[in-house]
Amino acid sequence: MILELRRHSPKAKVIAMSGGGRYSNTDYLKLARKFGAKVTLNKPFLREEILNAVKEVLGGDKDFKEVANKAPSCRGESPIRADAEVGISPV
């Protein structure tokens, strides 16, 4: 999926997330980095981790704190549940 996204939108900033290989021991995040993901996250991850990843790929945008403060809370330090597959489409 990352390679296809790169073909259509070479400047796309990619954050890859994986819960690991359920059916094999393939390191999908290692592959994602190889294919161009700027940041990778292992599931489950904390709200702060995803916010930091977004900040990193946006290059520390000055308005990031305002956006981050509006993000839904996960009740403290609870992991974000990201069990569903998410589709990506170029902007």
PDB file of N, CA and C in Angstrom:
ATOM      1  N   MET A   1       0.827  -1.181   0.000  1.00  0.00           N
ATOM      2  CA  MET A   1       0.000   0.000   0.000  1.00  0.00           C
ATOM      3  C   MET A   1       0.879   1.255   0.000  1.00  0.00           C
ATOM      4  N   ILE A   2       1.984   1.236   0.741  1.00  0.00           N
ATOM      5  CA  ILE A   2       2.868   2.404   0.793  1.00  0.00           C
ATOM      6  C   ILE A   2       3.462   2.688  -0.582  1.00  0.00           C
ATOM      7  N   LEU A   3       3.890   1.641  -1.270  1.00  0.00           N
ATOM      8  CA  LEU A   3       4.471   1.836  -2.600  1.00  0.00           C
ATOM      9  C   LEU A   3       3.460   2.444  -3.566  1.00  0.00           C
ATOM     10  N   GLU A   4       2.233   1.973  -3.506  1.00  0.00           N
ATOM     11  CA  GLU A   4       1.174   2.515  -4.374  1.00  0.00           C
ATOM     12  C   GLU A   4       0.908   3.981  -4.033  1.00  0.00           C
ATOM     13  N   LEU A   5       0.858   4.295  -2.754  1.00  0.00           N
ATOM     14  CA  LEU A   5       0.665   5.674  -2.324  1.00  0.00           C
ATOM     15  C   LEU A   5       1.801   6.547  -2.833  1.00  0.00           C
ATOM     16  N   ARG A   6       3.033   6.070  -2.731  1.00  0.00           N
ATOM     17  CA  ARG A   6       4.204   6.816  -3.203  1.00  0.00           C
ATOM     18  C   ARG A   6       4.144   7.066  -4.715  1.00  0.00           C
ATOM     19  N   ARG A   7       3.623   6.114  -5.469  1.00  0.00           N
ATOM     20  CA  ARG A   7       3.505   6.302  -6.921  1.00  0.00           C
ATOM     21  C   ARG A   7       2.559   7.455  -7.251  1.00  0.00           C
ATOM     22  N   HIS A   8       1.473   7.552  -6.510  1.00  0.00           N
ATOM     23  CA  HIS A   8       0.469   8.581  -6.771  1.00  0.00           C
ATOM     24  C   HIS A   8       0.795   9.910  -6.098  1.00  0.00           C
ATOM     25  N   SER A   9       1.476   9.841  -4.972  1.00  0.00           N
ATOM     26  CA  SER A   9       1.764  11.050  -4.198  1.00  0.00           C
ATOM     27  C   SER A   9       3.144  10.908  -3.543  1.00  0.00           C
ATOM     28  N   PRO A  10       4.209  11.162  -4.318  1.00  0.00           N
ATOM     29  CA  PRO A  10       5.571  10.932  -3.831  1.00  0.00           C
ATOM     30  C   PRO A  10       5.934  11.704  -2.561  1.00  0.00           C
ATOM     31  N   LYS A  11       5.285  12.824  -2.309  1.00  0.00           N
ATOM     32  CA  LYS A  11       5.617  13.626  -1.126  1.00  0.00           C
ATOM     33  C   LYS A  11       4.750  13.278   0.087  1.00  0.00           C
ATOM     34  N   ALA A  12       3.911  12.256  -0.045  1.00  0.00           N
ATOM     35  CA  ALA A  12       3.039  11.867   1.071  1.00  0.00           C
ATOM     36  C   ALA A  12       3.869  11.499   2.285  1.00  0.00           C
ATOM     37  N   LYS A  13       3.405  11.899   3.433  1.00  0.00           N
ATOM     38  CA  LYS A  13       4.072  11.593   4.694  1.00  0.00           C
ATOM     39  C   LYS A  13       3.354  10.410   5.323  1.00  0.00           C
ATOM     40  N   VAL A  14       4.084   9.324   5.520  1.00  0.00           N
ATOM     41  CA  VAL A  14       3.472   8.065   5.933  1.00  0.00           C
ATOM     42  C   VAL A  14       3.839   7.716   7.369  1.00  0.00           C
ATOM     43  N   ILE A  15       2.822   7.373   8.150  1.00  0.00           N
ATOM     44  CA  ILE A  15       2.994   6.781   9.477  1.00  0.00           C
ATOM     45  C   ILE A  15       2.407   5.385   9.376  1.00  0.00           C
ATOM     46  N   ALA A  16       3.235   4.369   9.614  1.00  0.00           N
ATOM     47  CA  ALA A  16       2.770   2.984   9.529  1.00  0.00           C
ATOM     48  C   ALA A  16       2.540   2.435  10.927  1.00  0.00           C
ATOM     49  N   MET A  17       1.464   1.663  11.073  1.00  0.00           N
ATOM     50  CA  MET A  17       1.117   1.052  12.356  1.00  0.00           C
ATOM     51  C   MET A  17       0.868  -0.428  12.143  1.00  0.00           C
ATOM     52  N   SER A  18       1.337  -1.248  13.088  1.00  0.00           N
ATOM     53  CA  SER A  18       1.125  -2.685  12.972  1.00  0.00           C
ATOM     54  C   SER A  18       1.053  -3.315  14.349  1.00  0.00           C
ATOM     55  N   GLY A  19       0.237  -4.331  14.421  1.00  0.00           N
ATOM     56  CA  GLY A  19       0.148  -5.123  15.636  1.00  0.00           C
ATOM     57  C   GLY A  19       1.001  -6.372  15.534  1.00  0.00           C
ATOM     58  N   GLY A  20       1.841  -6.441  14.509  1.00  0.00           N
ATOM     59  CA  GLY A  20       2.695  -7.605  14.309  1.00  0.00           C
ATOM     60  C   GLY A  20       2.043  -8.593  13.372  1.00  0.00           C
ATOM     61  N   GLY A  21       2.801  -9.572  12.998  1.00  0.00           N
ATOM     62  CA  GLY A  21       2.286 -10.587  12.079  1.00  0.00           C
ATOM     63  C   GLY A  21       1.459 -11.617  12.820  1.00  0.00           C
ATOM     64  N   ARG A  22       0.180 -11.603  12.604  1.00  0.00           N
ATOM     65  CA  ARG A  22      -0.702 -12.573  13.271  1.00  0.00           C
ATOM     66  C   ARG A  22      -0.519 -13.969  12.710  1.00  0.00           C
ATOM     67  N   TYR A  23      -0.186 -14.019  11.415  1.00  0.00           N
ATOM     68  CA  TYR A  23      -0.111 -15.317  10.759  1.00  0.00           C
ATOM     69  C   TYR A  23       1.311 -15.693  10.353  1.00  0.00           C
ATOM     70  N   SER A  24       2.251 -14.791  10.604  1.00  0.00           N
ATOM     71  CA  SER A  24       3.658 -15.071  10.309  1.00  0.00           C
ATOM     72  C   SER A  24       4.517 -14.204  11.208  1.00  0.00           C
ATOM     73  N   ASN A  25       5.809 -14.412  11.151  1.00  0.00           N
ATOM     74  CA  ASN A  25       6.695 -13.609  11.990  1.00  0.00           C
ATOM     75  C   ASN A  25       7.360 -12.492  11.179  1.00  0.00           C
ATOM     76  N   THR A  26       6.712 -12.024  10.130  1.00  0.00           N
ATOM     77  CA  THR A  26       7.214 -10.948   9.296  1.00  0.00           C
ATOM     78  C   THR A  26       7.183  -9.636  10.071  1.00  0.00           C
ATOM     79  N   ASP A  27       8.276  -8.880  10.000  1.00  0.00           N
ATOM     80  CA  ASP A  27       8.335  -7.569  10.648  1.00  0.00           C
ATOM     81  C   ASP A  27       7.796  -6.529   9.669  1.00  0.00           C
ATOM     82  N   TYR A  28       6.496  -6.276   9.737  1.00  0.00           N
ATOM     83  CA  TYR A  28       5.854  -5.374   8.796  1.00  0.00           C
ATOM     84  C   TYR A  28       6.327  -3.932   8.948  1.00  0.00           C
ATOM     85  N   LEU A  29       6.687  -3.534  10.156  1.00  0.00           N
ATOM     86  CA  LEU A  29       7.151  -2.169  10.345  1.00  0.00           C
ATOM     87  C   LEU A  29       8.528  -1.958   9.721  1.00  0.00           C
ATOM     88  N   LYS A  30       9.357  -2.977   9.754  1.00  0.00           N
ATOM     89  CA  LYS A  30      10.662  -2.893   9.094  1.00  0.00           C
ATOM     90  C   LYS A  30      10.454  -2.722   7.587  1.00  0.00           C
ATOM     91  N   LEU A  31       9.524  -3.480   7.042  1.00  0.00           N
ATOM     92  CA  LEU A  31       9.194  -3.346   5.618  1.00  0.00           C
ATOM     93  C   LEU A  31       8.612  -1.963   5.312  1.00  0.00           C
ATOM     94  N   ALA A  32       7.769  -1.473   6.195  1.00  0.00           N
ATOM     95  CA  ALA A  32       7.162  -0.152   5.993  1.00  0.00           C
ATOM     96  C   ALA A  32       8.237   0.930   5.932  1.00  0.00           C
ATOM     97  N   ARG A  33       9.230   0.856   6.820  1.00  0.00           N
ATOM     98  CA  ARG A  33      10.334   1.830   6.795  1.00  0.00           C
ATOM     99  C   ARG A  33      11.104   1.724   5.482  1.00  0.00           C
ATOM    100  N   LYS A  34      11.343   0.498   5.050  1.00  0.00           N
ATOM    101  CA  LYS A  34      12.058   0.267   3.795  1.00  0.00           C
ATOM    102  C   LYS A  34      11.296   0.882   2.616  1.00  0.00           C
ATOM    103  N   PHE A  35       9.983   0.824   2.658  1.00  0.00           N
ATOM    104  CA  PHE A  35       9.161   1.333   1.568  1.00  0.00           C
ATOM    105  C   PHE A  35       8.851   2.822   1.683  1.00  0.00           C
ATOM    106  N   GLY A  36       9.315   3.463   2.761  1.00  0.00           N
ATOM    107  CA  GLY A  36       9.174   4.913   2.834  1.00  0.00           C
ATOM    108  C   GLY A  36       8.383   5.495   3.979  1.00  0.00           C
ATOM    109  N   ALA A  37       7.951   4.687   4.929  1.00  0.00           N
ATOM    110  CA  ALA A  37       7.257   5.258   6.091  1.00  0.00           C
ATOM    111  C   ALA A  37       8.253   6.074   6.901  1.00  0.00           C
ATOM    112  N   LYS A  38       7.874   7.286   7.246  1.00  0.00           N
ATOM    113  CA  LYS A  38       8.764   8.142   8.024  1.00  0.00           C
ATOM    114  C   LYS A  38       8.781   7.727   9.489  1.00  0.00           C
ATOM    115  N   VAL A  39       7.637   7.294   9.992  1.00  0.00           N
ATOM    116  CA  VAL A  39       7.497   6.877  11.388  1.00  0.00           C
ATOM    117  C   VAL A  39       6.722   5.569  11.424  1.00  0.00           C
ATOM    118  N   THR A  40       7.093   4.683  12.346  1.00  0.00           N
ATOM    119  CA  THR A  40       6.348   3.440  12.540  1.00  0.00           C
ATOM    120  C   THR A  40       5.971   3.310  14.010  1.00  0.00           C
ATOM    121  N   LEU A  41       4.808   2.705  14.246  1.00  0.00           N
ATOM    122  CA  LEU A  41       4.312   2.501  15.607  1.00  0.00           C
ATOM    123  C   LEU A  41       3.820   1.065  15.764  1.00  0.00           C
ATOM    124  N   ASN A  42       4.181   0.457  16.889  1.00  0.00           N
ATOM    125  CA  ASN A  42       3.650  -0.860  17.245  1.00  0.00           C
ATOM    126  C   ASN A  42       2.337  -0.673  17.991  1.00  0.00           C
ATOM    127  N   LYS A  43       1.329  -1.456  17.647  1.00  0.00           N
ATOM    128  CA  LYS A  43       0.066  -1.442  18.396  1.00  0.00           C
ATOM    129  C   LYS A  43       0.199  -2.358  19.603  1.00  0.00           C
ATOM    130  N   PRO A  44      -0.446  -2.050  20.682  1.00  0.00           N
ATOM    131  CA  PRO A  44      -1.171  -0.803  20.944  1.00  0.00           C
ATOM    132  C   PRO A  44      -0.175   0.311  21.258  1.00  0.00           C
ATOM    133  N   PHE A  45      -0.576   1.538  21.004  1.00  0.00           N
ATOM    134  CA  PHE A  45       0.287   2.677  21.289  1.00  0.00           C
ATOM    135  C   PHE A  45      -0.513   3.705  22.079  1.00  0.00           C
ATOM    136  N   LEU A  46       0.211   4.587  22.748  1.00  0.00           N
ATOM    137  CA  LEU A  46      -0.417   5.616  23.566  1.00  0.00           C
ATOM    138  C   LEU A  46      -0.781   6.821  22.717  1.00  0.00           C
ATOM    139  N   ARG A  47      -1.742   7.572  23.176  1.00  0.00           N
ATOM    140  CA  ARG A  47      -2.172   8.794  22.497  1.00  0.00           C
ATOM    141  C   ARG A  47      -0.976   9.702  22.236  1.00  0.00           C
ATOM    142  N   GLU A  48      -0.129   9.847  23.217  1.00  0.00           N
ATOM    143  CA  GLU A  48       1.049  10.709  23.092  1.00  0.00           C
ATOM    144  C   GLU A  48       1.974  10.239  21.965  1.00  0.00           C
ATOM    145  N   GLU A  49       2.080   8.931  21.784  1.00  0.00           N
ATOM    146  CA  GLU A  49       2.945   8.393  20.731  1.00  0.00           C
ATOM    147  C   GLU A  49       2.432   8.758  19.341  1.00  0.00           C
ATOM    148  N   ILE A  50       1.133   8.635  19.111  1.00  0.00           N
ATOM    149  CA  ILE A  50       0.603   8.980  17.792  1.00  0.00           C
ATOM    150  C   ILE A  50       0.679  10.482  17.567  1.00  0.00           C
ATOM    151  N   LEU A  51       0.436  11.263  18.592  1.00  0.00           N
ATOM    152  CA  LEU A  51       0.537  12.712  18.446  1.00  0.00           C
ATOM    153  C   LEU A  51       1.978  13.123  18.130  1.00  0.00           C
ATOM    154  N   ASN A  52       2.950  12.494  18.790  1.00  0.00           N
ATOM    155  CA  ASN A  52       4.360  12.790  18.503  1.00  0.00           C
ATOM    156  C   ASN A  52       4.741  12.365  17.087  1.00  0.00           C
ATOM    157  N   ALA A  53       4.193  11.245  16.633  1.00  0.00           N
ATOM    158  CA  ALA A  53       4.469  10.778  15.272  1.00  0.00           C
ATOM    159  C   ALA A  53       3.939  11.778  14.252  1.00  0.00           C
ATOM    160  N   VAL A  54       2.727  12.260  14.473  1.00  0.00           N
ATOM    161  CA  VAL A  54       2.146  13.254  13.564  1.00  0.00           C
ATOM    162  C   VAL A  54       2.986  14.534  13.588  1.00  0.00           C
ATOM    163  N   LYS A  55       3.380  14.943  14.760  1.00  0.00           N
ATOM    164  CA  LYS A  55       4.217  16.145  14.885  1.00  0.00           C
ATOM    165  C   LYS A  55       5.524  15.959  14.117  1.00  0.00           C
ATOM    166  N   GLU A  56       6.121  14.797  14.232  1.00  0.00           N
ATOM    167  CA  GLU A  56       7.378  14.528  13.539  1.00  0.00           C
ATOM    168  C   GLU A  56       7.222  14.609  12.021  1.00  0.00           C
ATOM    169  N   VAL A  57       6.181  13.967  11.487  1.00  0.00           N
ATOM    170  CA  VAL A  57       6.025  13.980  10.028  1.00  0.00           C
ATOM    171  C   VAL A  57       5.590  15.343   9.503  1.00  0.00           C
ATOM    172  N   LEU A  58       4.955  16.138  10.345  1.00  0.00           N
ATOM    173  CA  LEU A  58       4.580  17.487   9.928  1.00  0.00           C
ATOM    174  C   LEU A  58       5.716  18.484  10.118  1.00  0.00           C
ATOM    175  N   GLY A  59       6.810  18.031  10.690  1.00  0.00           N
ATOM    176  CA  GLY A  59       7.966  18.898  10.854  1.00  0.00           C
ATOM    177  C   GLY A  59       7.837  19.883  11.995  1.00  0.00           C
ATOM    178  N   GLY A  60       7.102  19.520  13.048  1.00  0.00           N
ATOM    179  CA  GLY A  60       6.992  20.394  14.216  1.00  0.00           C
ATOM    180  C   GLY A  60       6.166  21.635  13.952  1.00  0.00           C
ATOM    181  N   ASP A  61       5.124  21.499  13.166  1.00  0.00           N
ATOM    182  CA  ASP A  61       4.253  22.616  12.821  1.00  0.00           C
ATOM    183  C   ASP A  61       3.866  23.404  14.061  1.00  0.00           C
ATOM    184  N   LYS A  62       3.950  24.739  13.989  1.00  0.00           N
ATOM    185  CA  LYS A  62       3.691  25.586  15.153  1.00  0.00           C
ATOM    186  C   LYS A  62       2.261  25.479  15.674  1.00  0.00           C
ATOM    187  N   ASP A  63       1.322  25.103  14.805  1.00  0.00           N
ATOM    188  CA  ASP A  63      -0.066  24.981  15.228  1.00  0.00           C
ATOM    189  C   ASP A  63      -0.389  23.590  15.766  1.00  0.00           C
ATOM    190  N   PHE A  64       0.626  22.730  15.846  1.00  0.00           N
ATOM    191  CA  PHE A  64       0.388  21.355  16.253  1.00  0.00           C
ATOM    192  C   PHE A  64      -0.217  21.260  17.642  1.00  0.00           C
ATOM    193  N   LYS A  65       0.262  22.057  18.597  1.00  0.00           N
ATOM    194  CA  LYS A  65      -0.272  21.981  19.970  1.00  0.00           C
ATOM    195  C   LYS A  65      -1.767  22.251  19.989  1.00  0.00           C
ATOM    196  N   GLU A  66      -2.206  23.202  19.206  1.00  0.00           N
ATOM    197  CA  GLU A  66      -3.642  23.511  19.164  1.00  0.00           C
ATOM    198  C   GLU A  66      -4.429  22.321  18.629  1.00  0.00           C
ATOM    199  N   VAL A  67      -3.928  21.712  17.563  1.00  0.00           N
ATOM    200  CA  VAL A  67      -4.592  20.542  16.988  1.00  0.00           C
ATOM    201  C   VAL A  67      -4.568  19.384  17.976  1.00  0.00           C
ATOM    202  N   ALA A  68      -3.413  19.136  18.600  1.00  0.00           N
ATOM    203  CA  ALA A  68      -3.266  18.026  19.540  1.00  0.00           C
ATOM    204  C   ALA A  68      -4.189  18.185  20.739  1.00  0.00           C
ATOM    205  N   ASN A  69      -4.369  19.401  21.199  1.00  0.00           N
ATOM    206  CA  ASN A  69      -5.233  19.625  22.354  1.00  0.00           C
ATOM    207  C   ASN A  69      -6.702  19.365  22.041  1.00  0.00           C
ATOM    208  N   LYS A  70      -7.063  19.390  20.762  1.00  0.00           N
ATOM    209  CA  LYS A  70      -8.438  19.114  20.364  1.00  0.00           C
ATOM    210  C   LYS A  70      -8.678  17.631  20.104  1.00  0.00           C
ATOM    211  N   ALA A  71      -7.589  16.839  20.099  1.00  0.00           N
ATOM    212  CA  ALA A  71      -7.717  15.405  19.821  1.00  0.00           C
ATOM    213  C   ALA A  71      -8.490  14.730  20.946  1.00  0.00           C
ATOM    214  N   PRO A  72      -9.289  13.716  20.622  1.00  0.00           N
ATOM    215  CA  PRO A  72     -10.054  13.012  21.653  1.00  0.00           C
ATOM    216  C   PRO A  72      -9.124  12.380  22.693  1.00  0.00           C
ATOM    217  N   SER A  73      -9.554  12.402  23.911  1.00  0.00           N
ATOM    218  CA  SER A  73      -8.771  11.813  24.991  1.00  0.00           C
ATOM    219  C   SER A  73      -8.945  10.304  25.012  1.00  0.00           C
ATOM    220  N   CYS A  74      -7.935   9.631  25.500  1.00  0.00           N
ATOM    221  CA  CYS A  74      -7.998   8.167  25.644  1.00  0.00           C
ATOM    222  C   CYS A  74      -7.992   7.785  27.123  1.00  0.00           C
ATOM    223  N   ARG A  75      -8.527   8.673  27.949  1.00  0.00           N
ATOM    224  CA  ARG A  75      -8.578   8.446  29.397  1.00  0.00           C
ATOM    225  C   ARG A  75      -7.187   8.224  29.971  1.00  0.00           C
ATOM    226  N   GLY A  76      -6.397   9.250  29.935  1.00  0.00           N
ATOM    227  CA  GLY A  76      -5.062   9.174  30.514  1.00  0.00           C
ATOM    228  C   GLY A  76      -4.085   8.454  29.625  1.00  0.00           C
ATOM    229  N   GLU A  77      -3.445   7.451  30.163  1.00  0.00           N
ATOM    230  CA  GLU A  77      -2.392   6.752  29.447  1.00  0.00           C
ATOM    231  C   GLU A  77      -2.864   5.434  28.833  1.00  0.00           C
ATOM    232  N   SER A  78      -4.152   5.281  28.647  1.00  0.00           N
ATOM    233  CA  SER A  78      -4.664   4.053  28.045  1.00  0.00           C
ATOM    234  C   SER A  78      -4.201   3.942  26.606  1.00  0.00           C
ATOM    235  N   PRO A  79      -3.876   2.739  26.155  1.00  0.00           N
ATOM    236  CA  PRO A  79      -3.494   2.579  24.749  1.00  0.00           C
ATOM    237  C   PRO A  79      -4.661   2.866  23.828  1.00  0.00           C
ATOM    238  N   ILE A  80      -4.350   3.380  22.661  1.00  0.00           N
ATOM    239  CA  ILE A  80      -5.361   3.563  21.630  1.00  0.00           C
ATOM    240  C   ILE A  80      -5.608   2.205  21.001  1.00  0.00           C
ATOM    241  N   ARG A  81      -6.846   1.816  20.875  1.00  0.00           N
ATOM    242  CA  ARG A  81      -7.164   0.541  20.228  1.00  0.00           C
ATOM    243  C   ARG A  81      -7.276   0.798  18.742  1.00  0.00           C
ATOM    244  N   ALA A  82      -6.475   0.123  17.987  1.00  0.00           N
ATOM    245  CA  ALA A  82      -6.475   0.307  16.548  1.00  0.00           C
ATOM    246  C   ALA A  82      -6.570  -1.062  15.894  1.00  0.00           C
ATOM    247  N   ASP A  83      -7.665  -1.734  16.124  1.00  0.00           N
ATOM    248  CA  ASP A  83      -7.832  -3.097  15.639  1.00  0.00           C
ATOM    249  C   ASP A  83      -8.335  -3.162  14.201  1.00  0.00           C
ATOM    250  N   ALA A  84      -9.035  -2.146  13.778  1.00  0.00           N
ATOM    251  CA  ALA A  84      -9.635  -2.186  12.449  1.00  0.00           C
ATOM    252  C   ALA A  84      -8.614  -1.786  11.394  1.00  0.00           C
ATOM    253  N   GLU A  85      -8.769  -2.337  10.204  1.00  0.00           N
ATOM    254  CA  GLU A  85      -7.921  -1.928   9.096  1.00  0.00           C
ATOM    255  C   GLU A  85      -8.347  -0.542   8.651  1.00  0.00           C
ATOM    256  N   VAL A  86      -7.366   0.266   8.283  1.00  0.00           N
ATOM    257  CA  VAL A  86      -7.636   1.626   7.849  1.00  0.00           C
ATOM    258  C   VAL A  86      -7.153   1.777   6.422  1.00  0.00           C
ATOM    259  N   GLY A  87      -7.993   2.313   5.574  1.00  0.00           N
ATOM    260  CA  GLY A  87      -7.591   2.569   4.202  1.00  0.00           C
ATOM    261  C   GLY A  87      -6.909   3.924   4.112  1.00  0.00           C
ATOM    262  N   ILE A  88      -5.984   4.059   3.178  1.00  0.00           N
ATOM    263  CA  ILE A  88      -5.281   5.306   2.976  1.00  0.00           C
ATOM    264  C   ILE A  88      -5.591   5.798   1.579  1.00  0.00           C
ATOM    265  N   SER A  89      -5.861   7.072   1.471  1.00  0.00           N
ATOM    266  CA  SER A  89      -6.052   7.632   0.144  1.00  0.00           C
ATOM    267  C   SER A  89      -5.238   8.907   0.036  1.00  0.00           C
ATOM    268  N   PRO A  90      -4.602   9.152  -1.105  1.00  0.00           N
ATOM    269  CA  PRO A  90      -3.804  10.371  -1.268  1.00  0.00           C
ATOM    270  C   PRO A  90      -4.681  11.602  -1.151  1.00  0.00           C
ATOM    271  N   VAL A  91      -4.106  12.654  -0.614  1.00  0.00           N
ATOM    272  CA  VAL A  91      -4.835  13.919  -0.454  1.00  0.00           C
ATOM    273  C   VAL A  91      -4.660  14.744  -1.693  1.00  0.00           C
TER     274      VAL A  91
END
